[in-house]
Protein backbone atom coordinates (compact mmCIF):
# COMPACT_ATOMS: atom_id res chain seq x y z
CA MET A 1 81.27 86.28 7.68
CA THR A 2 84.49 85.32 9.40
CA GLN A 3 86.72 87.90 7.73
CA THR A 4 86.16 91.49 6.79
CA ASP A 5 85.91 92.11 3.05
CA GLN A 6 87.78 95.41 3.10
CA LYS A 7 91.54 95.17 3.64
CA PRO A 8 92.78 97.94 5.96
CA LYS A 9 95.61 100.11 4.67
CA ILE A 10 99.02 100.19 6.30
CA SER A 11 100.75 103.52 6.85
CA ALA A 12 104.02 104.24 5.10
CA ARG A 13 105.71 104.62 8.50
CA ALA A 14 104.48 101.24 9.74
CA GLU A 15 105.54 99.60 6.50
CA LEU A 16 108.99 101.16 6.72
CA GLN A 17 109.31 99.97 10.32
CA GLY A 18 108.34 96.49 9.17
CA TYR A 19 111.07 96.40 6.55
CA LEU A 20 113.64 97.84 8.96
CA SER A 21 112.72 95.14 11.48
CA LEU A 22 113.15 92.55 8.76
CA GLY A 23 116.61 93.91 7.99
CA VAL A 24 117.52 93.55 11.66
CA VAL A 25 116.27 89.95 11.60
CA PHE A 26 118.48 89.16 8.60
CA ALA A 27 121.51 90.73 10.30
CA VAL A 28 120.91 88.81 13.54
CA MET A 29 120.51 85.58 11.57
CA LEU A 30 123.89 86.10 9.88
CA VAL A 31 125.55 86.57 13.27
CA ALA A 32 123.71 83.58 14.77
CA LEU A 33 124.81 81.38 11.88
CA PHE A 34 128.38 82.38 11.14
CA TRP A 35 129.78 83.50 14.48
CA PRO A 36 129.25 80.06 16.11
CA ALA A 37 130.42 78.45 12.86
CA GLY A 38 133.76 80.24 13.25
CA THR A 39 133.91 80.85 9.51
CA ILE A 40 131.96 82.43 6.69
CA ASP A 41 132.95 79.54 4.43
CA TRP A 42 129.94 77.39 5.30
CA ARG A 43 128.01 76.36 2.21
CA ARG A 44 124.96 74.98 4.02
CA GLY A 45 124.67 78.15 6.07
CA TRP A 46 124.65 80.37 2.98
CA LEU A 47 122.24 78.13 1.08
CA PHE A 48 119.79 78.17 3.99
CA PHE A 49 120.10 81.93 4.47
CA SER A 50 119.50 82.52 0.76
CA LEU A 51 116.39 80.34 0.83
CA PHE A 52 115.13 82.11 3.96
CA VAL A 53 115.56 85.55 2.38
CA ALA A 54 113.83 84.49 -0.85
CA LEU A 55 110.85 82.96 0.96
CA THR A 56 110.57 85.93 3.31
CA VAL A 57 110.49 88.44 0.44
CA PHE A 58 107.80 86.34 -1.25
CA ALA A 59 105.76 86.03 1.97
CA MET A 60 106.01 89.75 2.77
CA GLY A 61 104.71 90.64 -0.66
CA TRP A 62 101.86 88.16 -0.29
CA ILE A 63 100.85 89.35 3.16
CA ARG A 64 101.19 92.99 2.14
CA ARG A 65 98.63 92.32 -0.60
CA GLU A 66 96.21 90.09 1.33
CA ASN A 67 96.51 91.18 4.97
CA PRO A 68 98.64 94.35 5.18
CA GLU A 69 97.74 95.36 8.73
CA LEU A 70 99.68 92.37 10.11
CA ILE A 71 102.92 94.06 9.10
CA ALA A 72 102.18 96.70 11.74
CA VAL A 73 100.43 94.75 14.49
CA ARG A 74 102.99 91.95 14.66
CA GLN A 75 105.87 94.31 15.37
CA LYS A 76 105.11 94.52 19.11
CA PHE A 77 103.01 93.06 21.90
CA GLN A 78 99.54 94.60 21.90
CA ALA A 79 97.57 95.80 24.91
CA GLY A 80 95.73 92.94 26.60
CA THR A 81 98.41 90.31 25.97
CA LYS A 82 97.99 87.54 28.52
CA GLY A 83 100.63 87.59 31.24
CA TRP A 84 101.61 83.97 30.74
CA ASP A 85 102.13 84.57 27.01
CA ALA A 86 104.42 87.51 27.69
CA ILE A 87 106.75 84.76 28.97
CA ILE A 88 105.91 81.87 26.63
CA ALA A 89 106.08 83.89 23.40
CA PRO A 90 109.66 85.17 23.92
CA LEU A 91 110.80 81.72 25.07
CA THR A 92 109.36 80.20 21.91
CA VAL A 93 111.16 82.74 19.74
CA LEU A 94 114.38 82.04 21.67
CA MET A 95 114.10 78.29 21.07
CA PHE A 96 113.34 78.92 17.40
CA ALA A 97 116.39 81.18 17.10
CA ALA A 98 118.59 78.68 18.96
CA ILE A 99 118.31 76.30 16.01
CA LEU A 100 120.78 78.46 14.08
CA PRO A 101 123.79 78.52 16.46
CA VAL A 102 123.30 74.88 17.47
CA ALA A 103 123.32 73.85 13.83
CA ALA A 104 126.38 76.03 13.17
CA LEU A 105 128.29 74.50 16.07
CA ASP A 106 127.33 71.02 14.88
CA ASP A 107 127.69 71.12 11.11
CA ALA A 108 130.27 73.86 10.58
CA ARG A 109 132.58 73.87 13.60
CA PHE A 110 132.64 70.63 15.59
CA ARG A 111 131.01 68.15 13.18
CA TRP A 112 129.26 66.31 16.00
CA GLY A 113 127.06 64.33 13.63
CA PRO A 114 127.83 64.85 9.93
CA MET A 115 124.74 64.57 7.73
CA PRO A 116 124.63 63.72 3.99
CA ASP A 117 123.28 66.21 1.47
CA TRP A 118 120.04 64.26 1.00
CA VAL A 119 119.12 65.18 4.59
CA THR A 120 119.48 68.85 3.74
CA LEU A 121 117.26 68.37 0.68
CA ILE A 122 114.54 66.97 2.92
CA GLY A 123 115.10 69.97 5.16
CA TYR A 124 114.61 72.41 2.28
CA ALA A 125 111.33 70.71 1.36
CA LEU A 126 110.04 70.79 4.96
CA PHE A 127 111.18 74.36 5.51
CA THR A 128 109.56 75.60 2.29
CA ALA A 129 106.29 73.76 3.04
CA GLY A 130 106.25 75.11 6.59
CA TYR A 131 106.99 78.65 5.49
CA TYR A 132 104.26 78.51 2.85
CA GLY A 133 101.72 77.15 5.32
CA THR A 134 102.57 79.81 7.89
CA ALA A 135 102.28 82.58 5.30
CA LEU A 136 98.96 81.14 4.13
CA ALA A 137 97.60 81.22 7.68
CA GLN A 138 98.74 84.83 8.06
CA SER A 139 97.21 85.82 4.75
CA VAL A 140 93.68 84.72 5.75
CA ASN A 141 93.75 85.59 9.46
CA ARG A 142 93.79 89.29 10.28
CA HIS A 143 94.05 88.34 13.96
CA PHE A 144 97.39 86.53 13.58
CA GLU A 145 99.18 88.63 16.20
CA SER A 146 102.43 87.81 17.99
CA THR A 147 100.78 87.11 21.33
CA VAL A 148 97.57 85.70 22.74
CA ARG A 149 94.76 88.10 23.64
CA ILE A 150 91.08 88.68 22.87
CA GLN A 151 91.30 91.44 20.25
CA THR A 152 88.21 93.45 21.19
CA ASP A 153 89.84 96.54 19.68
CA ARG A 154 90.13 94.79 16.29
CA ASP A 155 86.66 93.21 16.00
CA HIS A 156 87.96 89.76 16.87
CA LYS A 157 86.10 86.99 15.01
CA VAL A 158 86.58 83.28 14.44
CA ILE A 159 88.50 82.54 11.24
CA ASP A 160 87.52 79.29 9.55
CA THR A 161 88.81 79.77 6.02
CA GLY A 162 92.01 78.52 4.37
CA PRO A 163 93.98 76.13 6.62
CA TYR A 164 91.70 77.04 9.54
CA ALA A 165 89.01 74.95 7.87
CA ARG A 166 91.14 71.85 8.58
CA ILE A 167 93.05 72.57 11.78
CA ARG A 168 92.59 75.17 14.51
CA HIS A 169 96.22 76.28 14.88
CA PRO A 170 97.95 76.10 11.48
CA GLY A 171 100.46 78.77 12.50
CA TYR A 172 101.87 76.51 15.20
CA ALA A 173 101.70 73.34 13.12
CA PHE A 174 103.42 74.85 10.08
CA GLY A 175 105.83 76.77 12.29
CA LEU A 176 107.11 73.51 13.78
CA LEU A 177 107.39 72.01 10.29
CA MET A 178 109.43 75.05 9.31
CA ALA A 179 111.63 74.74 12.40
CA SER A 180 112.32 71.07 11.71
CA GLY A 181 113.22 71.98 8.14
CA MET A 182 115.63 74.64 9.39
CA ALA A 183 117.55 72.11 11.46
CA LEU A 184 117.76 69.52 8.70
CA SER A 185 118.57 72.00 5.92
CA LEU A 186 121.55 73.10 8.00
CA GLY A 187 122.63 69.46 8.29
CA SER A 188 122.13 69.09 12.04
CA LEU A 189 120.19 66.54 14.04
CA TYR A 190 121.34 68.26 17.25
CA ALA A 191 119.43 71.35 16.18
CA LEU A 192 116.25 69.30 16.53
CA ILE A 193 116.70 69.63 20.31
CA PRO A 194 115.54 73.27 20.42
CA VAL A 195 112.82 72.28 17.92
CA ALA A 196 111.54 69.72 20.45
CA LEU A 197 111.61 72.33 23.23
CA CYS A 198 109.75 74.71 20.95
CA ALA A 199 107.11 72.02 20.34
CA ILE A 200 106.59 71.60 24.09
CA LEU A 201 106.16 75.35 24.56
CA LEU A 202 103.75 75.59 21.63
CA ALA A 203 101.68 72.66 22.88
CA PHE A 204 101.25 74.42 26.23
CA ARG A 205 100.51 77.68 24.44
CA THR A 206 97.89 75.99 22.25
CA LEU A 207 95.99 74.64 25.24
CA ALA A 208 96.23 77.91 27.17
CA GLU A 209 95.18 79.94 24.15
CA GLU A 210 92.19 77.71 23.53
CA ALA A 211 91.07 78.15 27.12
CA GLU A 212 91.10 81.93 26.60
CA LEU A 213 89.28 81.70 23.26
CA HIS A 214 86.57 79.45 24.71
CA LYS A 215 85.98 82.03 27.44
CA GLY A 216 86.28 85.24 25.47
CA LEU A 217 85.68 84.74 21.74
CA PRO A 218 82.04 84.27 20.64
CA GLY A 219 81.62 81.32 18.30
CA TYR A 220 84.91 79.64 19.14
CA THR A 221 83.35 76.73 21.02
CA ASP A 222 81.09 76.01 18.06
CA TYR A 223 84.13 76.23 15.76
CA THR A 224 85.92 73.53 17.77
CA THR A 225 83.00 71.16 17.22
CA ARG A 226 83.31 71.68 13.45
CA VAL A 227 87.12 71.64 13.27
CA ARG A 228 88.15 68.94 15.70
CA TYR A 229 91.94 68.93 15.45
CA ARG A 230 94.46 71.47 16.69
CA TRP A 231 97.63 70.69 14.71
CA LEU A 232 97.37 67.47 12.75
CA PRO A 233 94.13 66.03 11.31
CA GLY A 234 93.28 62.67 12.82
CA ILE A 235 95.87 62.92 15.59
CA TRP A 236 95.66 66.12 17.73
């Protein structure tokens, strides 16, 4: 078995904290989008935000049903987080968040590189696919925490179901797909710059995390011989 059959319950307090945190995220996103834009009259910004909210509500309901304990454990760094990841994880989040103001400055305020609507449609497709893939990975992996550590306190096991049967790090792969979709759905090629920086950070994090898993997680080395690729089948 690679996953426990019984789904742990989440306390009402932890669930409430999760939803409050989500409300804060939505509020910060609005500021990050419309303050740099210099206006609230930005159609692409509102369309993206509406899609983000809809997908997030769907994903939260899904994860609450399939893997409810993640709502609690992902709210903070857990004991045993690797020192290097206490730096890499926040930097990755920062680069991910930077997509929003860069896109706002580009598409809404300065119009550095105007993009046609068909580019935003591609962005919506990529963003939706990336969000779905990330939620799928979270739904099957009870160890999908915010930082890298060997989760001895949570009976850490290798997960090889769902997308983990094809690639070893679907959260990173789909997260980058989602990030690329964010930039394009907001009509900004310049916003792909923080996406590229995020990719560099995640590539380093992938290699460092695998080194820790090889050393500390029983069965992980065998798993890597069965699932050869980290992000993209046939490539890496």
